[in-house]
Amino acid sequence: MKSTLSALRTTILLVVLTLTGLASGTASAQEDRRVRIINETSHTIVRFFGSNAGTTDWEEDILGDKVLEPGQSVMVNFDDGTGYCKFDFKAEFDDGDEVVKNGIDVCEISSFRFTE
């Protein structure tokens, strides 16, 4: 009887540890909202915005005083503290064009390409 209880406790402990490990792995993956933004166009991105889908405003220009030349990329952390995974992206180019992409899941992707 004692060995059966011991075996049962060991089994329960292993199940709990396994489930805890799976949950923390999922949480870690969801917390990583870093996405490499890649400019694969022939024009310079002069302003870039990424706002969570729960807001109606574009936040500040992520590039600030920098630009993203053709062929360049930048790593952006979209963790704004809201827990959102869906973000809207807007790129403004040196020729005046603007591209908006809605509902990008930054918890699922590691890179996003602007192409022509």
PDB file of N, CA and C in Angstrom:
ATOM      1  N   MET A   1       0.819  -1.191   0.000  1.00  0.00           N
ATOM      2  CA  MET A   1       0.000   0.000   0.000  1.00  0.00           C
ATOM      3  C   MET A   1       0.866   1.258   0.000  1.00  0.00           C
ATOM      4  N   LYS A   2       1.958   1.220   0.838  1.00  0.00           N
ATOM      5  CA  LYS A   2       2.845   2.366   0.923  1.00  0.00           C
ATOM      6  C   LYS A   2       3.518   2.652  -0.420  1.00  0.00           C
ATOM      7  N   SER A   3       3.957   1.610  -1.121  1.00  0.00           N
ATOM      8  CA  SER A   3       4.618   1.811  -2.411  1.00  0.00           C
ATOM      9  C   SER A   3       3.629   2.286  -3.465  1.00  0.00           C
ATOM     10  N   THR A   4       2.378   1.890  -3.371  1.00  0.00           N
ATOM     11  CA  THR A   4       1.354   2.357  -4.303  1.00  0.00           C
ATOM     12  C   THR A   4       1.112   3.849  -4.105  1.00  0.00           C
ATOM     13  N   LEU A   5       1.033   4.286  -2.843  1.00  0.00           N
ATOM     14  CA  LEU A   5       0.857   5.720  -2.559  1.00  0.00           C
ATOM     15  C   LEU A   5       2.066   6.510  -3.026  1.00  0.00           C
ATOM     16  N   SER A   6       3.229   5.995  -2.821  1.00  0.00           N
ATOM     17  CA  SER A   6       4.451   6.661  -3.244  1.00  0.00           C
ATOM     18  C   SER A   6       4.495   6.789  -4.763  1.00  0.00           C
ATOM     19  N   ALA A   7       4.140   5.720  -5.451  1.00  0.00           N
ATOM     20  CA  ALA A   7       4.118   5.740  -6.916  1.00  0.00           C
ATOM     21  C   ALA A   7       3.081   6.736  -7.427  1.00  0.00           C
ATOM     22  N   LEU A   8       1.923   6.783  -6.753  1.00  0.00           N
ATOM     23  CA  LEU A   8       0.863   7.711  -7.146  1.00  0.00           C
ATOM     24  C   LEU A   8       1.323   9.159  -6.953  1.00  0.00           C
ATOM     25  N   ARG A   9       1.977   9.443  -5.821  1.00  0.00           N
ATOM     26  CA  ARG A   9       2.491  10.788  -5.570  1.00  0.00           C
ATOM     27  C   ARG A   9       3.529  11.184  -6.624  1.00  0.00           C
ATOM     28  N   THR A  10       4.396  10.258  -6.959  1.00  0.00           N
ATOM     29  CA  THR A  10       5.423  10.527  -7.969  1.00  0.00           C
ATOM     30  C   THR A  10       4.770  10.835  -9.313  1.00  0.00           C
ATOM     31  N   THR A  11       3.767  10.058  -9.680  1.00  0.00           N
ATOM     32  CA  THR A  11       3.058  10.266 -10.948  1.00  0.00           C
ATOM     33  C   THR A  11       2.371  11.629 -10.964  1.00  0.00           C
ATOM     34  N   ILE A  12       1.704  11.973  -9.878  1.00  0.00           N
ATOM     35  CA  ILE A  12       1.020  13.267  -9.801  1.00  0.00           C
ATOM     36  C   ILE A  12       2.028  14.401  -9.893  1.00  0.00           C
ATOM     37  N   LEU A  13       3.145  14.267  -9.187  1.00  0.00           N
ATOM     38  CA  LEU A  13       4.181  15.290  -9.234  1.00  0.00           C
ATOM     39  C   LEU A  13       4.716  15.472 -10.650  1.00  0.00           C
ATOM     40  N   LEU A  14       4.934  14.379 -11.365  1.00  0.00           N
ATOM     41  CA  LEU A  14       5.428  14.469 -12.746  1.00  0.00           C
ATOM     42  C   LEU A  14       4.410  15.145 -13.656  1.00  0.00           C
ATOM     43  N   VAL A  15       3.141  14.830 -13.464  1.00  0.00           N
ATOM     44  CA  VAL A  15       2.088  15.455 -14.275  1.00  0.00           C
ATOM     45  C   VAL A  15       2.043  16.959 -14.004  1.00  0.00           C
ATOM     46  N   VAL A  16       2.095  17.342 -12.743  1.00  0.00           N
ATOM     47  CA  VAL A  16       2.066  18.761 -12.389  1.00  0.00           C
ATOM     48  C   VAL A  16       3.275  19.490 -12.966  1.00  0.00           C
ATOM     49  N   LEU A  17       4.455  18.903 -12.852  1.00  0.00           N
ATOM     50  CA  LEU A  17       5.658  19.530 -13.398  1.00  0.00           C
ATOM     51  C   LEU A  17       5.578  19.665 -14.910  1.00  0.00           C
ATOM     52  N   THR A  18       5.062  18.652 -15.576  1.00  0.00           N
ATOM     53  CA  THR A  18       4.923  18.694 -17.027  1.00  0.00           C
ATOM     54  C   THR A  18       3.957  19.792 -17.441  1.00  0.00           C
ATOM     55  N   LEU A  19       2.792  19.853 -16.781  1.00  0.00           N
ATOM     56  CA  LEU A  19       1.815  20.881 -17.116  1.00  0.00           C
ATOM     57  C   LEU A  19       2.345  22.275 -16.815  1.00  0.00           C
ATOM     58  N   THR A  20       3.062  22.428 -15.732  1.00  0.00           N
ATOM     59  CA  THR A  20       3.662  23.718 -15.392  1.00  0.00           C
ATOM     60  C   THR A  20       4.667  24.127 -16.458  1.00  0.00           C
ATOM     61  N   GLY A  21       5.465  23.199 -16.906  1.00  0.00           N
ATOM     62  CA  GLY A  21       6.450  23.476 -17.953  1.00  0.00           C
ATOM     63  C   GLY A  21       5.787  23.878 -19.253  1.00  0.00           C
ATOM     64  N   LEU A  22       4.706  23.186 -19.620  1.00  0.00           N
ATOM     65  CA  LEU A  22       3.995  23.534 -20.843  1.00  0.00           C
ATOM     66  C   LEU A  22       3.374  24.907 -20.735  1.00  0.00           C
ATOM     67  N   ALA A  23       2.780  25.217 -19.600  1.00  0.00           N
ATOM     68  CA  ALA A  23       2.146  26.527 -19.421  1.00  0.00           C
ATOM     69  C   ALA A  23       3.179  27.635 -19.460  1.00  0.00           C
ATOM     70  N   SER A  24       4.299  27.453 -18.814  1.00  0.00           N
ATOM     71  CA  SER A  24       5.307  28.516 -18.821  1.00  0.00           C
ATOM     72  C   SER A  24       5.925  28.671 -20.193  1.00  0.00           C
ATOM     73  N   GLY A  25       6.057  27.589 -20.950  1.00  0.00           N
ATOM     74  CA  GLY A  25       6.567  27.684 -22.320  1.00  0.00           C
ATOM     75  C   GLY A  25       5.627  28.468 -23.200  1.00  0.00           C
ATOM     76  N   THR A  26       4.331  28.253 -23.035  1.00  0.00           N
ATOM     77  CA  THR A  26       3.341  28.995 -23.801  1.00  0.00           C
ATOM     78  C   THR A  26       3.364  30.462 -23.417  1.00  0.00           C
ATOM     79  N   ALA A  27       3.435  30.737 -22.136  1.00  0.00           N
ATOM     80  CA  ALA A  27       3.459  32.125 -21.680  1.00  0.00           C
ATOM     81  C   ALA A  27       4.693  32.836 -22.214  1.00  0.00           C
ATOM     82  N   SER A  28       5.830  32.168 -22.215  1.00  0.00           N
ATOM     83  CA  SER A  28       7.050  32.795 -22.717  1.00  0.00           C
ATOM     84  C   SER A  28       6.922  33.127 -24.193  1.00  0.00           C
ATOM     85  N   ALA A  29       6.327  32.199 -24.957  1.00  0.00           N
ATOM     86  CA  ALA A  29       6.166  32.439 -26.387  1.00  0.00           C
ATOM     87  C   ALA A  29       5.236  33.626 -26.625  1.00  0.00           C
ATOM     88  N   GLN A  30       4.172  33.730 -25.822  1.00  0.00           N
ATOM     89  CA  GLN A  30       3.230  34.824 -26.007  1.00  0.00           C
ATOM     90  C   GLN A  30       3.815  36.153 -25.556  1.00  0.00           C
ATOM     91  N   GLU A  31       4.731  36.116 -24.622  1.00  0.00           N
ATOM     92  CA  GLU A  31       5.330  37.351 -24.145  1.00  0.00           C
ATOM     93  C   GLU A  31       6.337  37.917 -25.136  1.00  0.00           C
ATOM     94  N   ASP A  32       6.842  37.095 -26.040  1.00  0.00           N
ATOM     95  CA  ASP A  32       7.823  37.566 -27.015  1.00  0.00           C
ATOM     96  C   ASP A  32       7.089  38.210 -28.177  1.00  0.00           C
ATOM     97  N   ARG A  33       7.087  39.525 -28.190  1.00  0.00           N
ATOM     98  CA  ARG A  33       6.401  40.270 -29.241  1.00  0.00           C
ATOM     99  C   ARG A  33       7.408  41.027 -30.115  1.00  0.00           C
ATOM    100  N   ARG A  34       8.621  40.498 -30.187  1.00  0.00           N
ATOM    101  CA  ARG A  34       9.650  41.127 -31.028  1.00  0.00           C
ATOM    102  C   ARG A  34       9.485  40.642 -32.463  1.00  0.00           C
ATOM    103  N   VAL A  35       9.465  41.596 -33.376  1.00  0.00           N
ATOM    104  CA  VAL A  35       9.289  41.295 -34.795  1.00  0.00           C
ATOM    105  C   VAL A  35      10.310  42.103 -35.582  1.00  0.00           C
ATOM    106  N   ARG A  36      11.001  41.436 -36.492  1.00  0.00           N
ATOM    107  CA  ARG A  36      11.941  42.133 -37.388  1.00  0.00           C
ATOM    108  C   ARG A  36      11.134  42.690 -38.556  1.00  0.00           C
ATOM    109  N   ILE A  37      11.171  44.018 -38.713  1.00  0.00           N
ATOM    110  CA  ILE A  37      10.501  44.699 -39.822  1.00  0.00           C
ATOM    111  C   ILE A  37      11.530  44.846 -40.933  1.00  0.00           C
ATOM    112  N   ILE A  38      11.193  44.317 -42.104  1.00  0.00           N
ATOM    113  CA  ILE A  38      12.143  44.274 -43.222  1.00  0.00           C
ATOM    114  C   ILE A  38      11.589  45.096 -44.388  1.00  0.00           C
ATOM    115  N   ASN A  39      12.410  45.981 -44.900  1.00  0.00           N
ATOM    116  CA  ASN A  39      12.028  46.794 -46.055  1.00  0.00           C
ATOM    117  C   ASN A  39      12.567  46.135 -47.321  1.00  0.00           C
ATOM    118  N   GLU A  40      11.681  45.459 -48.041  1.00  0.00           N
ATOM    119  CA  GLU A  40      12.053  44.820 -49.314  1.00  0.00           C
ATOM    120  C   GLU A  40      11.475  45.585 -50.498  1.00  0.00           C
ATOM    121  N   THR A  41      11.318  46.889 -50.328  1.00  0.00           N
ATOM    122  CA  THR A  41      10.844  47.727 -51.422  1.00  0.00           C
ATOM    123  C   THR A  41      12.029  48.501 -51.988  1.00  0.00           C
ATOM    124  N   SER A  42      11.767  49.308 -53.013  1.00  0.00           N
ATOM    125  CA  SER A  42      12.831  50.137 -53.586  1.00  0.00           C
ATOM    126  C   SER A  42      12.798  51.557 -53.021  1.00  0.00           C
ATOM    127  N   HIS A  43      11.965  51.782 -52.001  1.00  0.00           N
ATOM    128  CA  HIS A  43      11.847  53.100 -51.381  1.00  0.00           C
ATOM    129  C   HIS A  43      12.158  53.028 -49.890  1.00  0.00           C
ATOM    130  N   THR A  44      12.607  54.142 -49.347  1.00  0.00           N
ATOM    131  CA  THR A  44      12.945  54.240 -47.936  1.00  0.00           C
ATOM    132  C   THR A  44      11.681  54.410 -47.101  1.00  0.00           C
ATOM    133  N   ILE A  45      11.592  53.644 -46.021  1.00  0.00           N
ATOM    134  CA  ILE A  45      10.509  53.852 -45.054  1.00  0.00           C
ATOM    135  C   ILE A  45      10.969  54.978 -44.143  1.00  0.00           C
ATOM    136  N   VAL A  46      10.215  56.082 -44.164  1.00  0.00           N
ATOM    137  CA  VAL A  46      10.612  57.244 -43.379  1.00  0.00           C
ATOM    138  C   VAL A  46       9.895  57.312 -42.029  1.00  0.00           C
ATOM    139  N   ARG A  47       8.759  56.637 -41.931  1.00  0.00           N
ATOM    140  CA  ARG A  47       8.025  56.558 -40.664  1.00  0.00           C
ATOM    141  C   ARG A  47       7.359  55.194 -40.579  1.00  0.00           C
ATOM    142  N   PHE A  48       7.368  54.633 -39.374  1.00  0.00           N
ATOM    143  CA  PHE A  48       6.733  53.332 -39.163  1.00  0.00           C
ATOM    144  C   PHE A  48       5.963  53.364 -37.847  1.00  0.00           C
ATOM    145  N   PHE A  49       4.728  52.879 -37.912  1.00  0.00           N
ATOM    146  CA  PHE A  49       3.861  52.852 -36.739  1.00  0.00           C
ATOM    147  C   PHE A  49       3.355  51.433 -36.506  1.00  0.00           C
ATOM    148  N   GLY A  50       3.218  51.066 -35.261  1.00  0.00           N
ATOM    149  CA  GLY A  50       2.627  49.793 -34.893  1.00  0.00           C
ATOM    150  C   GLY A  50       1.773  50.003 -33.659  1.00  0.00           C
ATOM    151  N   SER A  51       0.464  49.884 -33.816  1.00  0.00           N
ATOM    152  CA  SER A  51      -0.458  50.117 -32.703  1.00  0.00           C
ATOM    153  C   SER A  51      -1.316  48.881 -32.495  1.00  0.00           C
ATOM    154  N   ASN A  52      -1.585  48.549 -31.226  1.00  0.00           N
ATOM    155  CA  ASN A  52      -2.395  47.363 -30.997  1.00  0.00           C
ATOM    156  C   ASN A  52      -3.790  47.569 -31.573  1.00  0.00           C
ATOM    157  N   ALA A  53      -4.383  46.485 -31.997  1.00  0.00           N
ATOM    158  CA  ALA A  53      -5.664  46.544 -32.701  1.00  0.00           C
ATOM    159  C   ALA A  53      -6.795  47.060 -31.813  1.00  0.00           C
ATOM    160  N   GLY A  54      -6.564  47.191 -30.521  1.00  0.00           N
ATOM    161  CA  GLY A  54      -7.590  47.680 -29.611  1.00  0.00           C
ATOM    162  C   GLY A  54      -7.650  49.191 -29.510  1.00  0.00           C
ATOM    163  N   THR A  55      -6.791  49.878 -30.234  1.00  0.00           N
ATOM    164  CA  THR A  55      -6.782  51.340 -30.180  1.00  0.00           C
ATOM    165  C   THR A  55      -7.096  51.912 -31.555  1.00  0.00           C
ATOM    166  N   THR A  56      -7.590  53.125 -31.575  1.00  0.00           N
ATOM    167  CA  THR A  56      -7.911  53.770 -32.855  1.00  0.00           C
ATOM    168  C   THR A  56      -6.848  54.770 -33.268  1.00  0.00           C
ATOM    169  N   ASP A  57      -5.837  54.967 -32.414  1.00  0.00           N
ATOM    170  CA  ASP A  57      -4.791  55.942 -32.698  1.00  0.00           C
ATOM    171  C   ASP A  57      -3.496  55.246 -33.093  1.00  0.00           C
ATOM    172  N   TRP A  58      -2.756  55.867 -34.012  1.00  0.00           N
ATOM    173  CA  TRP A  58      -1.395  55.429 -34.278  1.00  0.00           C
ATOM    174  C   TRP A  58      -0.536  56.006 -33.167  1.00  0.00           C
ATOM    175  N   GLU A  59       0.299  55.173 -32.614  1.00  0.00           N
ATOM    176  CA  GLU A  59       1.191  55.647 -31.560  1.00  0.00           C
ATOM    177  C   GLU A  59       2.319  56.456 -32.202  1.00  0.00           C
ATOM    178  N   GLU A  60       3.417  56.669 -31.480  1.00  0.00           N
ATOM    179  CA  GLU A  60       4.526  57.454 -32.025  1.00  0.00           C
ATOM    180  C   GLU A  60       5.249  56.680 -33.135  1.00  0.00           C
ATOM    181  N   ASP A  61       5.967  57.435 -33.956  1.00  0.00           N
ATOM    182  CA  ASP A  61       6.779  56.861 -35.024  1.00  0.00           C
ATOM    183  C   ASP A  61       7.884  56.023 -34.379  1.00  0.00           C
ATOM    184  N   ILE A  62       7.865  54.734 -34.621  1.00  0.00           N
ATOM    185  CA  ILE A  62       8.827  53.819 -34.004  1.00  0.00           C
ATOM    186  C   ILE A  62      10.250  54.100 -34.465  1.00  0.00           C
ATOM    187  N   LEU A  63      10.412  54.561 -35.689  1.00  0.00           N
ATOM    188  CA  LEU A  63      11.752  54.825 -36.215  1.00  0.00           C
ATOM    189  C   LEU A  63      12.355  56.101 -35.636  1.00  0.00           C
ATOM    190  N   GLY A  64      11.523  56.984 -35.135  1.00  0.00           N
ATOM    191  CA  GLY A  64      12.036  58.240 -34.586  1.00  0.00           C
ATOM    192  C   GLY A  64      12.748  59.049 -35.656  1.00  0.00           C
ATOM    193  N   ASP A  65      14.012  59.401 -35.426  1.00  0.00           N
ATOM    194  CA  ASP A  65      14.768  60.194 -36.401  1.00  0.00           C
ATOM    195  C   ASP A  65      15.537  59.313 -37.386  1.00  0.00           C
ATOM    196  N   LYS A  66      15.296  58.011 -37.353  1.00  0.00           N
ATOM    197  CA  LYS A  66      15.960  57.084 -38.269  1.00  0.00           C
ATOM    198  C   LYS A  66      15.025  56.745 -39.426  1.00  0.00           C
ATOM    199  N   VAL A  67      15.578  56.127 -40.451  1.00  0.00           N
ATOM    200  CA  VAL A  67      14.798  55.643 -41.596  1.00  0.00           C
ATOM    201  C   VAL A  67      15.199  54.197 -41.856  1.00  0.00           C
ATOM    202  N   LEU A  68      14.400  53.531 -42.674  1.00  0.00           N
ATOM    203  CA  LEU A  68      14.688  52.148 -43.042  1.00  0.00           C
ATOM    204  C   LEU A  68      14.872  52.092 -44.560  1.00  0.00           C
ATOM    205  N   GLU A  69      16.142  52.074 -44.964  1.00  0.00           N
ATOM    206  CA  GLU A  69      16.486  52.054 -46.388  1.00  0.00           C
ATOM    207  C   GLU A  69      16.068  50.712 -47.009  1.00  0.00           C
ATOM    208  N   PRO A  70      15.941  50.671 -48.340  1.00  0.00           N
ATOM    209  CA  PRO A  70      15.668  49.403 -49.002  1.00  0.00           C
ATOM    210  C   PRO A  70      16.710  48.350 -48.608  1.00  0.00           C
ATOM    211  N   GLY A  71      16.237  47.171 -48.247  1.00  0.00           N
ATOM    212  CA  GLY A  71      17.130  46.086 -47.843  1.00  0.00           C
ATOM    213  C   GLY A  71      17.471  46.072 -46.370  1.00  0.00           C
ATOM    214  N   GLN A  72      17.144  47.129 -45.645  1.00  0.00           N
ATOM    215  CA  GLN A  72      17.442  47.178 -44.217  1.00  0.00           C
ATOM    216  C   GLN A  72      16.296  46.593 -43.390  1.00  0.00           C
ATOM    217  N   SER A  73      16.610  46.285 -42.139  1.00  0.00           N
ATOM    218  CA  SER A  73      15.593  45.787 -41.216  1.00  0.00           C
ATOM    219  C   SER A  73      15.850  46.366 -39.833  1.00  0.00           C
ATOM    220  N   VAL A  74      14.830  46.274 -39.004  1.00  0.00           N
ATOM    221  CA  VAL A  74      14.928  46.739 -37.624  1.00  0.00           C
ATOM    222  C   VAL A  74      14.099  45.782 -36.754  1.00  0.00           C
ATOM    223  N   MET A  75      14.612  45.477 -35.564  1.00  0.00           N
ATOM    224  CA  MET A  75      13.871  44.648 -34.617  1.00  0.00           C
ATOM    225  C   MET A  75      13.039  45.566 -33.732  1.00  0.00           C
ATOM    226  N   VAL A  76      11.734  45.265 -33.635  1.00  0.00           N
ATOM    227  CA  VAL A  76      10.820  46.078 -32.853  1.00  0.00           C
ATOM    228  C   VAL A  76      10.144  45.195 -31.815  1.00  0.00           C
ATOM    229  N   ASN A  77      10.115  45.667 -30.574  1.00  0.00           N
ATOM    230  CA  ASN A  77       9.405  44.974 -29.507  1.00  0.00           C
ATOM    231  C   ASN A  77       8.021  45.610 -29.373  1.00  0.00           C
ATOM    232  N   PHE A  78       6.977  44.861 -29.706  1.00  0.00           N
ATOM    233  CA  PHE A  78       5.616  45.382 -29.689  1.00  0.00           C
ATOM    234  C   PHE A  78       4.909  45.144 -28.356  1.00  0.00           C
ATOM    235  N   ASP A  79       5.640  44.782 -27.327  1.00  0.00           N
ATOM    236  CA  ASP A  79       5.033  44.577 -26.017  1.00  0.00           C
ATOM    237  C   ASP A  79       4.724  45.939 -25.401  1.00  0.00           C
ATOM    238  N   ASP A  80       3.466  46.348 -25.506  1.00  0.00           N
ATOM    239  CA  ASP A  80       3.061  47.659 -24.990  1.00  0.00           C
ATOM    240  C   ASP A  80       2.391  47.560 -23.623  1.00  0.00           C
ATOM    241  N   GLY A  81       2.438  46.378 -23.020  1.00  0.00           N
ATOM    242  CA  GLY A  81       1.879  46.195 -21.691  1.00  0.00           C
ATOM    243  C   GLY A  81       0.397  45.884 -21.665  1.00  0.00           C
ATOM    244  N   THR A  82      -0.250  45.832 -22.815  1.00  0.00           N
ATOM    245  CA  THR A  82      -1.692  45.572 -22.859  1.00  0.00           C
ATOM    246  C   THR A  82      -2.022  44.093 -22.963  1.00  0.00           C
ATOM    247  N   GLY A  83      -1.051  43.284 -23.362  1.00  0.00           N
ATOM    248  CA  GLY A  83      -1.312  41.867 -23.579  1.00  0.00           C
ATOM    249  C   GLY A  83      -1.800  41.547 -24.984  1.00  0.00           C
ATOM    250  N   TYR A  84      -2.007  42.577 -25.802  1.00  0.00           N
ATOM    251  CA  TYR A  84      -2.475  42.351 -27.177  1.00  0.00           C
ATOM    252  C   TYR A  84      -1.403  41.655 -28.007  1.00  0.00           C
ATOM    253  N   CYS A  85      -1.855  40.778 -28.890  1.00  0.00           N
ATOM    254  CA  CYS A  85      -0.972  40.149 -29.875  1.00  0.00           C
ATOM    255  C   CYS A  85      -1.232  40.718 -31.271  1.00  0.00           C
ATOM    256  N   LYS A  86      -2.426  41.214 -31.521  1.00  0.00           N
ATOM    257  CA  LYS A  86      -2.781  41.741 -32.847  1.00  0.00           C
ATOM    258  C   LYS A  86      -2.444  43.223 -32.920  1.00  0.00           C
ATOM    259  N   PHE A  87      -1.654  43.563 -33.936  1.00  0.00           N
ATOM    260  CA  PHE A  87      -1.229  44.943 -34.141  1.00  0.00           C
ATOM    261  C   PHE A  87      -1.491  45.361 -35.579  1.00  0.00           C
ATOM    262  N   ASP A  88      -1.703  46.644 -35.772  1.00  0.00           N
ATOM    263  CA  ASP A  88      -1.818  47.237 -37.098  1.00  0.00           C
ATOM    264  C   ASP A  88      -0.500  47.950 -37.379  1.00  0.00           C
ATOM    265  N   PHE A  89       0.013  47.768 -38.598  1.00  0.00           N
ATOM    266  CA  PHE A  89       1.272  48.390 -39.005  1.00  0.00           C
ATOM    267  C   PHE A  89       0.988  49.444 -40.067  1.00  0.00           C
ATOM    268  N   LYS A  90       1.723  50.530 -40.011  1.00  0.00           N
ATOM    269  CA  LYS A  90       1.656  51.542 -41.072  1.00  0.00           C
ATOM    270  C   LYS A  90       3.067  52.005 -41.386  1.00  0.00           C
ATOM    271  N   ALA A  91       3.427  51.929 -42.664  1.00  0.00           N
ATOM    272  CA  ALA A  91       4.720  52.418 -43.142  1.00  0.00           C
ATOM    273  C   ALA A  91       4.477  53.573 -44.094  1.00  0.00           C
ATOM    274  N   GLU A  92       5.231  54.644 -43.893  1.00  0.00           N
ATOM    275  CA  GLU A  92       5.191  55.788 -44.801  1.00  0.00           C
ATOM    276  C   GLU A  92       6.528  55.844 -45.531  1.00  0.00           C
ATOM    277  N   PHE A  93       6.453  55.972 -46.849  1.00  0.00           N
ATOM    278  CA  PHE A  93       7.639  55.904 -47.691  1.00  0.00           C
ATOM    279  C   PHE A  93       8.066  57.280 -48.183  1.00  0.00           C
ATOM    280  N   ASP A  94       9.322  57.373 -48.639  1.00  0.00           N
ATOM    281  CA  ASP A  94       9.890  58.640 -49.091  1.00  0.00           C
ATOM    282  C   ASP A  94       9.212  59.198 -50.343  1.00  0.00           C
ATOM    283  N   ASP A  95       8.456  58.359 -51.062  1.00  0.00           N
ATOM    284  CA  ASP A  95       7.754  58.843 -52.254  1.00  0.00           C
ATOM    285  C   ASP A  95       6.317  59.283 -51.935  1.00  0.00           C
ATOM    286  N   GLY A  96       5.950  59.255 -50.633  1.00  0.00           N
ATOM    287  CA  GLY A  96       4.612  59.690 -50.222  1.00  0.00           C
ATOM    288  C   GLY A  96       3.613  58.552 -50.068  1.00  0.00           C
ATOM    289  N   ASP A  97       3.972  57.368 -50.557  1.00  0.00           N
ATOM    290  CA  ASP A  97       3.063  56.227 -50.404  1.00  0.00           C
ATOM    291  C   ASP A  97       2.995  55.786 -48.946  1.00  0.00           C
ATOM    292  N   GLU A  98       1.889  55.164 -48.631  1.00  0.00           N
ATOM    293  CA  GLU A  98       1.642  54.670 -47.289  1.00  0.00           C
ATOM    294  C   GLU A  98       1.050  53.266 -47.414  1.00  0.00           C
ATOM    295  N   VAL A  99       1.514  52.342 -46.588  1.00  0.00           N
ATOM    296  CA  VAL A  99       0.980  50.983 -46.596  1.00  0.00           C
ATOM    297  C   VAL A  99       0.524  50.651 -45.181  1.00  0.00           C
ATOM    298  N   VAL A 100      -0.735  50.206 -45.069  1.00  0.00           N
ATOM    299  CA  VAL A 100      -1.292  49.804 -43.784  1.00  0.00           C
ATOM    300  C   VAL A 100      -1.639  48.326 -43.850  1.00  0.00           C
ATOM    301  N   LYS A 101      -1.190  47.589 -42.854  1.00  0.00           N
ATOM    302  CA  LYS A 101      -1.515  46.163 -42.720  1.00  0.00           C
ATOM    303  C   LYS A 101      -2.168  45.977 -41.353  1.00  0.00           C
ATOM    304  N   ASN A 102      -3.361  45.435 -41.337  1.00  0.00           N
ATOM    305  CA  ASN A 102      -4.126  45.290 -40.098  1.00  0.00           C
ATOM    306  C   ASN A 102      -4.089  43.863 -39.560  1.00  0.00           C
ATOM    307  N   GLY A 103      -4.169  43.767 -38.235  1.00  0.00           N
ATOM    308  CA  GLY A 103      -4.338  42.473 -37.576  1.00  0.00           C
ATOM    309  C   GLY A 103      -3.141  41.554 -37.644  1.00  0.00           C
ATOM    310  N   ILE A 104      -1.939  42.085 -37.588  1.00  0.00           N
ATOM    311  CA  ILE A 104      -0.730  41.269 -37.611  1.00  0.00           C
ATOM    312  C   ILE A 104      -0.527  40.670 -36.222  1.00  0.00           C
ATOM    313  N   ASP A 105      -0.393  39.358 -36.143  1.00  0.00           N
ATOM    314  CA  ASP A 105      -0.218  38.678 -34.853  1.00  0.00           C
ATOM    315  C   ASP A 105       1.262  38.629 -34.495  1.00  0.00           C
ATOM    316  N   VAL A 106       1.689  39.563 -33.654  1.00  0.00           N
ATOM    317  CA  VAL A 106       3.103  39.676 -33.301  1.00  0.00           C
ATOM    318  C   VAL A 106       3.552  38.585 -32.330  1.00  0.00           C
ATOM    319  N   CYS A 107       2.607  37.821 -31.796  1.00  0.00           N
ATOM    320  CA  CYS A 107       2.966  36.683 -30.937  1.00  0.00           C
ATOM    321  C   CYS A 107       3.274  35.442 -31.769  1.00  0.00           C
ATOM    322  N   GLU A 108       2.856  35.459 -33.038  1.00  0.00           N
ATOM    323  CA  GLU A 108       3.025  34.294 -33.905  1.00  0.00           C
ATOM    324  C   GLU A 108       4.129  34.444 -34.941  1.00  0.00           C
ATOM    325  N   ILE A 109       4.510  35.674 -35.256  1.00  0.00           N
ATOM    326  CA  ILE A 109       5.517  35.871 -36.302  1.00  0.00           C
ATOM    327  C   ILE A 109       6.796  36.433 -35.701  1.00  0.00           C
ATOM    328  N   SER A 110       7.891  36.243 -36.407  1.00  0.00           N
ATOM    329  CA  SER A 110       9.157  36.813 -35.959  1.00  0.00           C
ATOM    330  C   SER A 110       9.675  37.858 -36.951  1.00  0.00           C
ATOM    331  N   SER A 111       9.070  37.919 -38.131  1.00  0.00           N
ATOM    332  CA  SER A 111       9.471  38.934 -39.098  1.00  0.00           C
ATOM    333  C   SER A 111       8.281  39.340 -39.958  1.00  0.00           C
ATOM    334  N   PHE A 112       8.340  40.561 -40.468  1.00  0.00           N
ATOM    335  CA  PHE A 112       7.306  41.089 -41.364  1.00  0.00           C
ATOM    336  C   PHE A 112       7.996  41.845 -42.461  1.00  0.00           C
ATOM    337  N   ARG A 113       7.633  41.549 -43.708  1.00  0.00           N
ATOM    338  CA  ARG A 113       8.279  42.155 -44.871  1.00  0.00           C
ATOM    339  C   ARG A 113       7.329  43.121 -45.582  1.00  0.00           C
ATOM    340  N   PHE A 114       7.831  44.335 -45.825  1.00  0.00           N
ATOM    341  CA  PHE A 114       7.138  45.239 -46.723  1.00  0.00           C
ATOM    342  C   PHE A 114       7.726  45.001 -48.093  1.00  0.00           C
ATOM    343  N   THR A 115       6.877  44.633 -49.045  1.00  0.00           N
ATOM    344  CA  THR A 115       7.316  44.336 -50.411  1.00  0.00           C
ATOM    345  C   THR A 115       6.529  45.195 -51.392  1.00  0.00           C
ATOM    346  N   GLU A 116       7.008  45.212 -52.615  1.00  0.00           N
ATOM    347  CA  GLU A 116       6.307  45.996 -53.643  1.00  0.00           C
ATOM    348  C   GLU A 116       5.295  45.155 -54.355  1.00  0.00           C
TER     349      GLU A 116
END
